[in-house]
Amino acid sequence: MFGRLKLIALAIVVIGVGGAGLMMAQAYDLNTNYTLVDAKIMSVKTECFIKAGKEKIVTKDTDELAYMDCDLAPIVAKQHGFKESAIKKRVKVSYDYRSPVDGRVYSGDFMRTGDVDGVREGKMIQVHAHKTDPEASRTTGLNLFLQDTGA
């Protein structure tokens, strides 16, 4: 019994330390090789999916989450016995930024789920533009070691 608890505790510690290590490595890479620049959101495409706990609606062919028009999601959720609270949003965002390498404008994109209400076309955000590769940019995502840049 105690051996099993020790093993579980060790696994939790290893996973926690490994996750923190990955986030710190990402933070180091961004702080060393990238610089924050202003970017303008050029397009936002919102899709919905239905997921409650381990239950979700998937596509027949791939068994991956089924993304759909958000106007259809309440109907589909009801047909499959889900509450409306199981409907989640995902946005695909494209943005333009000026590269610090050559001063030209390039495009990038990212996807987010969850609280996406503030993401809209025309909004100014900050992204990380690579210091030597003009076409490379990144957003921070949910890294605890980085300041949220709004992207």
Protein backbone atom coordinates (compact mmCIF):
# COMPACT_ATOMS: atom_id res chain seq x y z
CA MET A 1 0.00 0.00 0.00
CA PHE A 2 2.68 2.53 1.04
CA GLY A 3 4.92 1.46 -1.84
CA ARG A 4 2.18 2.28 -4.29
CA LEU A 5 1.60 5.71 -2.68
CA LYS A 6 5.33 6.44 -2.86
CA LEU A 7 5.34 5.50 -6.54
CA ILE A 8 2.35 7.76 -7.25
CA ALA A 9 3.94 10.64 -5.32
CA LEU A 10 7.21 10.17 -7.22
CA ALA A 11 5.35 10.17 -10.55
CA ILE A 12 3.56 13.41 -9.63
CA VAL A 13 6.85 15.08 -8.68
CA VAL A 14 8.58 13.92 -11.88
CA ILE A 15 5.70 15.15 -14.05
CA GLY A 16 5.59 18.50 -12.20
CA VAL A 17 9.34 19.06 -12.45
CA GLY A 18 9.37 17.98 -16.10
CA GLY A 19 6.51 20.34 -16.97
CA ALA A 20 8.15 23.23 -15.15
CA GLY A 21 11.42 22.46 -16.93
CA LEU A 22 9.74 22.57 -20.33
CA MET A 23 8.07 25.89 -19.54
CA MET A 24 11.38 27.36 -18.34
CA ALA A 25 13.12 26.14 -21.52
CA GLN A 26 10.41 27.79 -23.64
CA ALA A 27 10.75 31.00 -21.63
CA TYR A 28 14.54 30.95 -22.08
CA ASP A 29 14.20 30.37 -25.84
CA LEU A 30 11.69 33.21 -26.23
CA ASN A 31 13.73 35.62 -24.10
CA THR A 32 16.99 34.76 -25.91
CA ASN A 33 15.94 34.35 -29.54
CA TYR A 34 12.78 36.45 -29.84
CA THR A 35 11.70 40.01 -29.19
CA LEU A 36 8.22 41.35 -28.48
CA VAL A 37 6.64 43.26 -31.36
CA ASP A 38 3.19 44.69 -32.00
CA ALA A 39 0.89 42.69 -34.25
CA LYS A 40 -2.56 43.32 -35.64
CA ILE A 41 -5.19 40.59 -35.73
CA MET A 42 -6.28 40.29 -39.36
CA SER A 43 -8.87 37.51 -39.11
CA VAL A 44 -10.65 35.47 -36.46
CA LYS A 45 -12.52 32.28 -37.24
CA THR A 46 -14.63 30.94 -34.38
CA GLU A 47 -15.68 27.30 -34.27
CA CYS A 48 -17.38 25.31 -31.54
CA PHE A 49 -16.94 21.80 -30.20
CA ILE A 50 -18.85 19.82 -27.62
CA LYS A 51 -17.07 18.24 -24.67
CA ALA A 52 -18.12 17.47 -21.10
CA GLY A 53 -15.56 15.62 -19.01
CA LYS A 54 -14.45 12.57 -20.99
CA GLU A 55 -17.55 12.65 -23.20
CA LYS A 56 -17.26 14.51 -26.49
CA ILE A 57 -18.65 14.61 -30.01
CA VAL A 58 -16.11 13.38 -32.55
CA THR A 59 -15.93 12.98 -36.30
CA LYS A 60 -16.77 9.52 -37.64
CA ASP A 61 -13.61 9.15 -39.70
CA THR A 62 -10.85 10.33 -37.38
CA ASP A 63 -12.34 10.09 -33.89
CA GLU A 64 -11.08 13.64 -33.24
CA LEU A 65 -13.17 16.49 -31.88
CA ALA A 66 -15.86 17.59 -34.30
CA TYR A 67 -15.65 21.35 -34.91
CA MET A 68 -18.79 23.05 -36.16
CA ASP A 69 -20.52 26.38 -36.69
CA CYS A 70 -21.39 27.84 -33.30
CA ASP A 71 -25.01 28.42 -34.40
CA LEU A 72 -25.40 24.65 -34.92
CA ALA A 73 -23.67 23.59 -31.70
CA PRO A 74 -26.72 23.96 -29.38
CA ILE A 75 -28.83 21.81 -31.71
CA VAL A 76 -26.16 19.11 -32.01
CA ALA A 77 -25.54 19.17 -28.26
CA LYS A 78 -29.24 18.66 -27.53
CA GLN A 79 -29.50 15.82 -30.07
CA HIS A 80 -26.64 13.98 -28.35
CA GLY A 81 -27.81 14.58 -24.77
CA PHE A 82 -25.30 17.30 -23.82
CA LYS A 83 -26.10 20.46 -21.90
CA GLU A 84 -25.31 23.83 -23.51
CA SER A 85 -22.50 24.27 -20.96
CA ALA A 86 -20.62 21.50 -22.83
CA ILE A 87 -20.25 23.77 -25.87
CA LYS A 88 -16.74 25.25 -26.07
CA LYS A 89 -15.28 27.79 -28.49
CA ARG A 90 -12.02 27.66 -30.43
CA VAL A 91 -10.64 30.55 -32.45
CA LYS A 92 -8.17 30.46 -35.31
CA VAL A 93 -6.42 33.83 -35.43
CA SER A 94 -4.16 35.22 -38.12
CA TYR A 95 -2.06 38.32 -37.47
CA ASP A 96 0.44 40.56 -39.23
CA TYR A 97 3.66 41.78 -37.61
CA ARG A 98 6.72 43.73 -38.72
CA SER A 99 9.90 41.68 -38.43
CA PRO A 100 12.78 43.29 -36.53
CA VAL A 101 15.17 41.50 -38.92
CA ASP A 102 14.27 43.21 -42.20
CA GLY A 103 11.39 45.56 -41.36
CA ARG A 104 8.97 43.74 -43.68
CA VAL A 105 5.45 42.63 -42.72
CA TYR A 106 4.85 38.91 -42.18
CA SER A 107 1.87 36.83 -41.10
CA GLY A 108 1.46 34.34 -38.31
CA ASP A 109 -1.38 32.44 -36.73
CA PHE A 110 -2.45 30.68 -33.55
CA MET A 111 -5.41 28.81 -32.06
CA ARG A 112 -6.99 29.24 -28.63
CA THR A 113 -9.83 27.60 -26.76
CA GLY A 114 -11.66 28.72 -23.65
CA ASP A 115 -12.10 32.42 -22.94
CA VAL A 116 -11.84 33.84 -26.45
CA ASP A 117 -14.36 36.69 -26.21
CA GLY A 118 -11.74 39.48 -26.34
CA VAL A 119 -10.14 38.17 -29.54
CA ARG A 120 -11.38 40.25 -32.45
CA GLU A 121 -10.28 41.47 -35.86
CA GLY A 122 -8.29 44.70 -35.74
CA LYS A 123 -7.12 44.24 -32.13
CA MET A 124 -3.46 44.98 -31.44
CA ILE A 125 -1.54 42.27 -29.58
CA GLN A 126 2.09 41.49 -28.93
CA VAL A 127 3.86 38.46 -30.38
CA HIS A 128 7.40 37.17 -30.18
CA ALA A 129 9.26 37.78 -33.47
CA HIS A 130 12.49 35.87 -34.04
CA LYS A 131 15.67 37.96 -33.94
CA THR A 132 17.28 36.31 -37.00
CA ASP A 133 14.49 34.54 -38.93
CA PRO A 134 12.02 37.15 -40.22
CA GLU A 135 9.26 34.59 -40.88
CA ALA A 136 9.29 33.08 -37.38
CA SER A 137 6.95 34.32 -34.66
CA ARG A 138 5.31 32.78 -31.63
CA THR A 139 2.73 33.53 -29.00
CA THR A 140 3.18 32.70 -25.33
CA GLY A 141 0.21 30.41 -24.81
CA LEU A 142 -0.19 29.52 -21.16
CA ASN A 143 3.40 29.51 -19.93
CA LEU A 144 3.55 30.48 -16.26
CA PHE A 145 7.10 31.79 -16.69
CA LEU A 146 6.13 34.34 -19.35
CA GLN A 147 4.06 37.48 -19.21
CA ASP A 148 0.74 37.19 -21.05
CA THR A 149 1.03 39.23 -24.24
CA GLY A 150 -2.66 39.11 -25.08
CA ALA A 151 -2.13 36.54 -27.82
